[in-house]
Amino acid sequence: GGLSFPPDSIYSEANKGLTIRDYFAAAALTGIISS
């Protein structure tokens, strides 16, 4: 899905940020755990 929070700095080049898939999984995980 690409990056959900792309880095906005040249200093962030090594860390590309979360992918949209990562973001969706984290959101789903929160819901599953809270249930």
All heavy atoms as atom14 arrays in JSON, in Angstrom:
{
  "sequence": "GGLSFPPDSIYSEANKGLTIRDYFAAAALTGIISS",
  "atom14_mask": [
    [1, 1, 1, 1, 0, 0, 0, 0, 0, 0, 0, 0, 0, 0],
    [1, 1, 1, 1, 0, 0, 0, 0, 0, 0, 0, 0, 0, 0],
    [1, 1, 1, 1, 1, 1, 1, 1, 0, 0, 0, 0, 0, 0],
    [1, 1, 1, 1, 1, 1, 0, 0, 0, 0, 0, 0, 0, 0],
    [1, 1, 1, 1, 1, 1, 1, 1, 1, 1, 1, 0, 0, 0],
    [1, 1, 1, 1, 1, 1, 1, 0, 0, 0, 0, 0, 0, 0],
    [1, 1, 1, 1, 1, 1, 1, 0, 0, 0, 0, 0, 0, 0],
    [1, 1, 1, 1, 1, 1, 1, 1, 0, 0, 0, 0, 0, 0],
    [1, 1, 1, 1, 1, 1, 0, 0, 0, 0, 0, 0, 0, 0],
    [1, 1, 1, 1, 1, 1, 1, 1, 0, 0, 0, 0, 0, 0],
    [1, 1, 1, 1, 1, 1, 1, 1, 1, 1, 1, 1, 0, 0],
    [1, 1, 1, 1, 1, 1, 0, 0, 0, 0, 0, 0, 0, 0],
    [1, 1, 1, 1, 1, 1, 1, 1, 1, 0, 0, 0, 0, 0],
    [1, 1, 1, 1, 1, 0, 0, 0, 0, 0, 0, 0, 0, 0],
    [1, 1, 1, 1, 1, 1, 1, 1, 0, 0, 0, 0, 0, 0],
    [1, 1, 1, 1, 1, 1, 1, 1, 1, 0, 0, 0, 0, 0],
    [1, 1, 1, 1, 0, 0, 0, 0, 0, 0, 0, 0, 0, 0],
    [1, 1, 1, 1, 1, 1, 1, 1, 0, 0, 0, 0, 0, 0],
    [1, 1, 1, 1, 1, 1, 1, 0, 0, 0, 0, 0, 0, 0],
    [1, 1, 1, 1, 1, 1, 1, 1, 0, 0, 0, 0, 0, 0],
    [1, 1, 1, 1, 1, 1, 1, 1, 1, 1, 1, 0, 0, 0],
    [1, 1, 1, 1, 1, 1, 1, 1, 0, 0, 0, 0, 0, 0],
    [1, 1, 1, 1, 1, 1, 1, 1, 1, 1, 1, 1, 0, 0],
    [1, 1, 1, 1, 1, 1, 1, 1, 1, 1, 1, 0, 0, 0],
    [1, 1, 1, 1, 1, 0, 0, 0, 0, 0, 0, 0, 0, 0],
    [1, 1, 1, 1, 1, 0, 0, 0, 0, 0, 0, 0, 0, 0],
    [1, 1, 1, 1, 1, 0, 0, 0, 0, 0, 0, 0, 0, 0],
    [1, 1, 1, 1, 1, 0, 0, 0, 0, 0, 0, 0, 0, 0],
    [1, 1, 1, 1, 1, 1, 1, 1, 0, 0, 0, 0, 0, 0],
    [1, 1, 1, 1, 1, 1, 1, 0, 0, 0, 0, 0, 0, 0],
    [1, 1, 1, 1, 0, 0, 0, 0, 0, 0, 0, 0, 0, 0],
    [1, 1, 1, 1, 1, 1, 1, 1, 0, 0, 0, 0, 0, 0],
    [1, 1, 1, 1, 1, 1, 1, 1, 0, 0, 0, 0, 0, 0],
    [1, 1, 1, 1, 1, 1, 0, 0, 0, 0, 0, 0, 0, 0],
    [1, 1, 1, 1, 1, 1, 0, 0, 0, 0, 0, 0, 0, 0]
  ],
  "atom14_positions": [
    [[0.78, -1.23, 0.0], [0.0, 0.0, 0.0], [0.81, 1.27, 0.0], [0.26, 2.35, -0.05], [0.0, 0.0, 0.0], [0.0, 0.0, 0.0], [0.0, 0.0, 0.0], [0.0, 0.0, 0.0], [0.0, 0.0, 0.0], [0.0, 0.0, 0.0], [0.0, 0.0, 0.0], [0.0, 0.0, 0.0], [0.0, 0.0, 0.0], [0.0, 0.0, 0.0]],
    [[2.12, 1.15, 0.07], [2.95, 2.35, 0.14], [3.1, 2.83, 1.57], [2.69, 2.17, 2.51], [0.0, 0.0, 0.0], [0.0, 0.0, 0.0], [0.0, 0.0, 0.0], [0.0, 0.0, 0.0], [0.0, 0.0, 0.0], [0.0, 0.0, 0.0], [0.0, 0.0, 0.0], [0.0, 0.0, 0.0], [0.0, 0.0, 0.0], [0.0, 0.0, 0.0]],
    [[3.69, 4.0, 1.74], [3.94, 4.53, 3.08], [2.72, 5.27, 3.61], [2.1, 6.04, 2.9], [5.14, 5.46, 3.06], [6.47, 4.83, 2.64], [7.58, 5.88, 2.6], [6.84, 3.71, 3.58], [0.0, 0.0, 0.0], [0.0, 0.0, 0.0], [0.0, 0.0, 0.0], [0.0, 0.0, 0.0], [0.0, 0.0, 0.0], [0.0, 0.0, 0.0]],
    [[2.41, 5.02, 4.89], [1.28, 5.73, 5.49], [1.74, 7.06, 6.09], [0.98, 8.02, 6.1], [0.62, 4.87, 6.58], [1.54, 4.54, 7.58], [0.0, 0.0, 0.0], [0.0, 0.0, 0.0], [0.0, 0.0, 0.0], [0.0, 0.0, 0.0], [0.0, 0.0, 0.0], [0.0, 0.0, 0.0], [0.0, 0.0, 0.0], [0.0, 0.0, 0.0]],
    [[2.96, 7.11, 6.57], [3.52, 8.34, 7.12], [4.92, 8.52, 6.54], [5.92, 8.23, 7.2], [3.61, 8.27, 8.65], [2.29, 8.03, 9.31], [1.97, 6.8, 9.85], [1.35, 9.05, 9.38], [0.75, 6.58, 10.46], [0.12, 8.84, 9.99], [-0.17, 7.61, 10.53], [0.0, 0.0, 0.0], [0.0, 0.0, 0.0], [0.0, 0.0, 0.0]],
    [[5.01, 8.97, 5.3], [6.33, 9.08, 4.67], [7.23, 10.03, 5.44], [6.75, 11.0, 6.04], [6.03, 9.66, 3.29], [4.57, 9.52, 3.1], [3.94, 9.41, 4.44], [0.0, 0.0, 0.0], [0.0, 0.0, 0.0], [0.0, 0.0, 0.0], [0.0, 0.0, 0.0], [0.0, 0.0, 0.0], [0.0, 0.0, 0.0], [0.0, 0.0, 0.0]],
    [[8.53, 9.76, 5.45], [9.45, 10.65, 6.15], [9.48, 12.02, 5.46], [9.36, 12.12, 4.25], [10.8, 9.94, 6.04], [10.65, 8.99, 4.92], [9.19, 8.64, 4.81], [0.0, 0.0, 0.0], [0.0, 0.0, 0.0], [0.0, 0.0, 0.0], [0.0, 0.0, 0.0], [0.0, 0.0, 0.0], [0.0, 0.0, 0.0], [0.0, 0.0, 0.0]],
    [[9.61, 13.04, 6.24], [9.62, 14.4, 5.69], [11.0, 15.04, 5.83], [11.13, 16.25, 5.74], [8.55, 15.26, 6.35], [8.72, 15.34, 7.86], [9.66, 14.73, 8.4], [7.9, 16.01, 8.5], [0.0, 0.0, 0.0], [0.0, 0.0, 0.0], [0.0, 0.0, 0.0], [0.0, 0.0, 0.0], [0.0, 0.0, 0.0], [0.0, 0.0, 0.0]],
    [[12.0, 14.23, 6.06], [13.32, 14.77, 6.31], [14.38, 13.9, 5.63], [14.21, 12.69, 5.54], [13.58, 14.81, 7.82], [14.94, 15.01, 8.09], [0.0, 0.0, 0.0], [0.0, 0.0, 0.0], [0.0, 0.0, 0.0], [0.0, 0.0, 0.0], [0.0, 0.0, 0.0], [0.0, 0.0, 0.0], [0.0, 0.0, 0.0], [0.0, 0.0, 0.0]],
    [[15.45, 14.52, 5.2], [16.55, 13.74, 4.62], [17.19, 12.85, 5.68], [17.83, 11.87, 5.37], [17.62, 14.64, 3.96], [18.23, 15.59, 4.98], [17.04, 15.39, 2.78], [19.44, 16.36, 4.48], [0.0, 0.0, 0.0], [0.0, 0.0, 0.0], [0.0, 0.0, 0.0], [0.0, 0.0, 0.0], [0.0, 0.0, 0.0], [0.0, 0.0, 0.0]],
    [[16.99, 13.19, 6.95], [17.54, 12.39, 8.04], [16.74, 11.12, 8.28], [17.16, 10.26, 9.03], [17.62, 13.23, 9.32], [18.44, 14.48, 9.13], [17.84, 15.72, 9.09], [19.81, 14.39, 8.95], [18.59, 16.86, 8.88], [20.57, 15.54, 8.74], [19.96, 16.77, 8.7], [20.7, 17.88, 8.49], [0.0, 0.0, 0.0], [0.0, 0.0, 0.0]],
    [[15.6, 11.0, 7.66], [14.74, 9.84, 7.83], [14.94, 8.82, 6.72], [14.16, 7.88, 6.6], [13.27, 10.27, 7.85], [13.03, 11.16, 8.9], [0.0, 0.0, 0.0], [0.0, 0.0, 0.0], [0.0, 0.0, 0.0], [0.0, 0.0, 0.0], [0.0, 0.0, 0.0], [0.0, 0.0, 0.0], [0.0, 0.0, 0.0], [0.0, 0.0, 0.0]],
    [[15.94, 8.99, 5.9], [16.14, 8.12, 4.73], [16.27, 6.65, 5.13], [15.76, 5.77, 4.44], [17.37, 8.55, 3.95], [17.53, 7.85, 2.62], [16.36, 8.06, 1.67], [15.75, 9.13, 1.69], [16.06, 7.13, 0.91], [0.0, 0.0, 0.0], [0.0, 0.0, 0.0], [0.0, 0.0, 0.0], [0.0, 0.0, 0.0], [0.0, 0.0, 0.0]],
    [[16.94, 6.36, 6.25], [17.12, 4.97, 6.66], [15.81, 4.36, 7.15], [15.56, 3.17, 6.97], [18.17, 4.87, 7.76], [0.0, 0.0, 0.0], [0.0, 0.0, 0.0], [0.0, 0.0, 0.0], [0.0, 0.0, 0.0], [0.0, 0.0, 0.0], [0.0, 0.0, 0.0], [0.0, 0.0, 0.0], [0.0, 0.0, 0.0], [0.0, 0.0, 0.0]],
    [[14.95, 5.16, 7.73], [13.66, 4.69, 8.23], [12.57, 5.23, 7.32], [12.23, 6.4, 7.36], [13.44, 5.16, 9.67], [12.12, 4.68, 10.22], [11.43, 3.88, 9.61], [11.77, 5.16, 11.39], [0.0, 0.0, 0.0], [0.0, 0.0, 0.0], [0.0, 0.0, 0.0], [0.0, 0.0, 0.0], [0.0, 0.0, 0.0], [0.0, 0.0, 0.0]],
    [[12.01, 4.37, 6.51], [11.02, 4.8, 5.52], [9.65, 5.03, 6.12], [8.77, 5.54, 5.46], [10.91, 3.77, 4.39], [12.19, 3.57, 3.63], [12.51, 4.78, 2.8], [13.72, 4.51, 1.94], [14.15, 5.64, 1.2], [0.0, 0.0, 0.0], [0.0, 0.0, 0.0], [0.0, 0.0, 0.0], [0.0, 0.0, 0.0], [0.0, 0.0, 0.0]],
    [[9.43, 4.64, 7.36], [8.12, 4.82, 7.98], [7.26, 3.59, 7.83], [7.65, 2.59, 7.25], [0.0, 0.0, 0.0], [0.0, 0.0, 0.0], [0.0, 0.0, 0.0], [0.0, 0.0, 0.0], [0.0, 0.0, 0.0], [0.0, 0.0, 0.0], [0.0, 0.0, 0.0], [0.0, 0.0, 0.0], [0.0, 0.0, 0.0], [0.0, 0.0, 0.0]],
    [[6.07, 3.67, 8.38], [5.12, 2.57, 8.3], [4.51, 2.48, 6.91], [4.21, 3.5, 6.3], [3.97, 2.79, 9.28], [4.24, 2.67, 10.76], [2.98, 3.04, 11.54], [4.69, 1.28, 11.12], [0.0, 0.0, 0.0], [0.0, 0.0, 0.0], [0.0, 0.0, 0.0], [0.0, 0.0, 0.0], [0.0, 0.0, 0.0], [0.0, 0.0, 0.0]],
    [[4.28, 1.25, 6.48], [3.5, 1.07, 5.26], [2.03, 1.15, 5.64], [1.67, 1.04, 6.83], [3.78, -0.29, 4.6], [3.33, -1.32, 5.47], [5.25, -0.47, 4.27], [0.0, 0.0, 0.0], [0.0, 0.0, 0.0], [0.0, 0.0, 0.0], [0.0, 0.0, 0.0], [0.0, 0.0, 0.0], [0.0, 0.0, 0.0], [0.0, 0.0, 0.0]],
    [[1.19, 1.3, 4.67], [-0.24, 1.31, 4.94], [-0.66, -0.05, 5.49], [-1.5, -0.14, 6.38], [-1.03, 1.71, 3.68], [-0.71, 3.18, 3.35], [-2.52, 1.5, 3.86], [-1.28, 3.67, 2.05], [0.0, 0.0, 0.0], [0.0, 0.0, 0.0], [0.0, 0.0, 0.0], [0.0, 0.0, 0.0], [0.0, 0.0, 0.0], [0.0, 0.0, 0.0]],
    [[-0.04, -1.1, 5.01], [-0.34, -2.45, 5.52], [0.0, -2.54, 7.0], [-0.76, -3.09, 7.79], [0.43, -3.5, 4.73], [0.1, -4.93, 5.13], [0.78, -5.93, 4.2], [0.35, -7.28, 4.51], [1.13, -8.2, 5.07], [2.39, -7.92, 5.36], [0.66, -9.4, 5.33], [0.0, 0.0, 0.0], [0.0, 0.0, 0.0], [0.0, 0.0, 0.0]],
    [[1.17, -2.0, 7.39], [1.55, -1.97, 8.8], [0.51, -1.2, 9.62], [0.11, -1.63, 10.71], [2.9, -1.28, 9.01], [4.07, -2.03, 8.42], [4.02, -3.27, 8.3], [5.07, -1.36, 8.08], [0.0, 0.0, 0.0], [0.0, 0.0, 0.0], [0.0, 0.0, 0.0], [0.0, 0.0, 0.0], [0.0, 0.0, 0.0], [0.0, 0.0, 0.0]],
    [[0.09, -0.06, 9.1], [-0.87, 0.79, 9.79], [-2.21, 0.07, 9.97], [-2.8, 0.07, 11.06], [-1.06, 2.09, 9.01], [-1.97, 3.07, 9.68], [-1.54, 3.84, 10.76], [-3.27, 3.23, 9.22], [-2.39, 4.74, 11.36], [-4.13, 4.14, 9.82], [-3.69, 4.88, 10.9], [-4.52, 5.76, 11.5], [0.0, 0.0, 0.0], [0.0, 0.0, 0.0]],
    [[-2.68, -0.58, 8.9], [-3.94, -1.32, 8.99], [-3.82, -2.47, 10.0], [-4.75, -2.74, 10.76], [-4.35, -1.88, 7.63], [-4.9, -0.88, 6.67], [-4.95, -1.17, 5.31], [-5.39, 0.35, 7.07], [-5.48, -0.27, 4.4], [-5.92, 1.26, 6.17], [-5.97, 0.95, 4.82], [0.0, 0.0, 0.0], [0.0, 0.0, 0.0], [0.0, 0.0, 0.0]],
    [[-2.69, -3.18, 9.98], [-2.5, -4.29, 10.91], [-2.49, -3.79, 12.36], [-3.09, -4.42, 13.24], [-1.21, -5.04, 10.6], [0.0, 0.0, 0.0], [0.0, 0.0, 0.0], [0.0, 0.0, 0.0], [0.0, 0.0, 0.0], [0.0, 0.0, 0.0], [0.0, 0.0, 0.0], [0.0, 0.0, 0.0], [0.0, 0.0, 0.0], [0.0, 0.0, 0.0]],
    [[-1.84, -2.67, 12.6], [-1.8, -2.11, 13.95], [-3.2, -1.72, 14.42], [-3.58, -1.96, 15.57], [-0.86, -0.91, 14.01], [0.0, 0.0, 0.0], [0.0, 0.0, 0.0], [0.0, 0.0, 0.0], [0.0, 0.0, 0.0], [0.0, 0.0, 0.0], [0.0, 0.0, 0.0], [0.0, 0.0, 0.0], [0.0, 0.0, 0.0], [0.0, 0.0, 0.0]],
    [[-3.98, -1.12, 13.53], [-5.35, -0.74, 13.88], [-6.19, -1.98, 14.17], [-6.96, -2.01, 15.14], [-5.97, 0.09, 12.75], [0.0, 0.0, 0.0], [0.0, 0.0, 0.0], [0.0, 0.0, 0.0], [0.0, 0.0, 0.0], [0.0, 0.0, 0.0], [0.0, 0.0, 0.0], [0.0, 0.0, 0.0], [0.0, 0.0, 0.0], [0.0, 0.0, 0.0]],
    [[-6.06, -3.0, 13.34], [-6.81, -4.24, 13.56], [-6.37, -4.9, 14.87], [-7.22, -5.39, 15.64], [-6.6, -5.2, 12.39], [0.0, 0.0, 0.0], [0.0, 0.0, 0.0], [0.0, 0.0, 0.0], [0.0, 0.0, 0.0], [0.0, 0.0, 0.0], [0.0, 0.0, 0.0], [0.0, 0.0, 0.0], [0.0, 0.0, 0.0], [0.0, 0.0, 0.0]],
    [[-5.08, -4.89, 15.13], [-4.56, -5.49, 16.35], [-5.15, -4.82, 17.58], [-5.55, -5.49, 18.54], [-3.04, -5.38, 16.36], [-2.3, -6.03, 17.52], [-2.55, -7.52, 17.56], [-0.81, -5.75, 17.38], [0.0, 0.0, 0.0], [0.0, 0.0, 0.0], [0.0, 0.0, 0.0], [0.0, 0.0, 0.0], [0.0, 0.0, 0.0], [0.0, 0.0, 0.0]],
    [[-5.25, -3.51, 17.55], [-5.84, -2.78, 18.67], [-7.28, -3.23, 18.92], [-7.67, -3.47, 20.06], [-5.8, -1.26, 18.39], [-4.45, -0.87, 18.2], [-6.4, -0.47, 19.51], [0.0, 0.0, 0.0], [0.0, 0.0, 0.0], [0.0, 0.0, 0.0], [0.0, 0.0, 0.0], [0.0, 0.0, 0.0], [0.0, 0.0, 0.0], [0.0, 0.0, 0.0]],
    [[-8.04, -3.35, 17.84], [-9.43, -3.8, 17.98], [-9.54, -5.22, 18.48], [-10.37, -5.53, 19.34], [0.0, 0.0, 0.0], [0.0, 0.0, 0.0], [0.0, 0.0, 0.0], [0.0, 0.0, 0.0], [0.0, 0.0, 0.0], [0.0, 0.0, 0.0], [0.0, 0.0, 0.0], [0.0, 0.0, 0.0], [0.0, 0.0, 0.0], [0.0, 0.0, 0.0]],
    [[-8.71, -6.1, 17.95], [-8.77, -7.51, 18.35], [-8.41, -7.65, 19.82], [-9.09, -8.35, 20.58], [-7.83, -8.37, 17.48], [-8.3, -8.38, 16.02], [-7.76, -9.79, 18.02], [-7.27, -8.94, 15.05], [0.0, 0.0, 0.0], [0.0, 0.0, 0.0], [0.0, 0.0, 0.0], [0.0, 0.0, 0.0], [0.0, 0.0, 0.0], [0.0, 0.0, 0.0]],
    [[-7.36, -6.96, 20.25], [-6.94, -7.04, 21.65], [-8.01, -6.48, 22.58], [-8.31, -7.04, 23.63], [-5.59, -6.34, 21.86], [-4.48, -7.13, 21.18], [-5.29, -6.15, 23.34], [-3.14, -6.43, 21.15], [0.0, 0.0, 0.0], [0.0, 0.0, 0.0], [0.0, 0.0, 0.0], [0.0, 0.0, 0.0], [0.0, 0.0, 0.0], [0.0, 0.0, 0.0]],
    [[-8.61, -5.35, 22.19], [-9.62, -4.73, 23.05], [-10.9, -5.56, 23.16], [-11.66, -5.41, 24.1], [-9.95, -3.32, 22.56], [-10.65, -3.36, 21.35], [0.0, 0.0, 0.0], [0.0, 0.0, 0.0], [0.0, 0.0, 0.0], [0.0, 0.0, 0.0], [0.0, 0.0, 0.0], [0.0, 0.0, 0.0], [0.0, 0.0, 0.0], [0.0, 0.0, 0.0]],
    [[-11.11, -6.46, 22.21], [-12.3, -7.33, 22.26], [-12.09, -8.53, 23.18], [-12.99, -9.34, 23.34], [-12.67, -7.81, 20.86], [-11.73, -8.78, 20.42], [0.0, 0.0, 0.0], [0.0, 0.0, 0.0], [0.0, 0.0, 0.0], [0.0, 0.0, 0.0], [0.0, 0.0, 0.0], [0.0, 0.0, 0.0], [0.0, 0.0, 0.0], [0.0, 0.0, 0.0]]
  ]
}
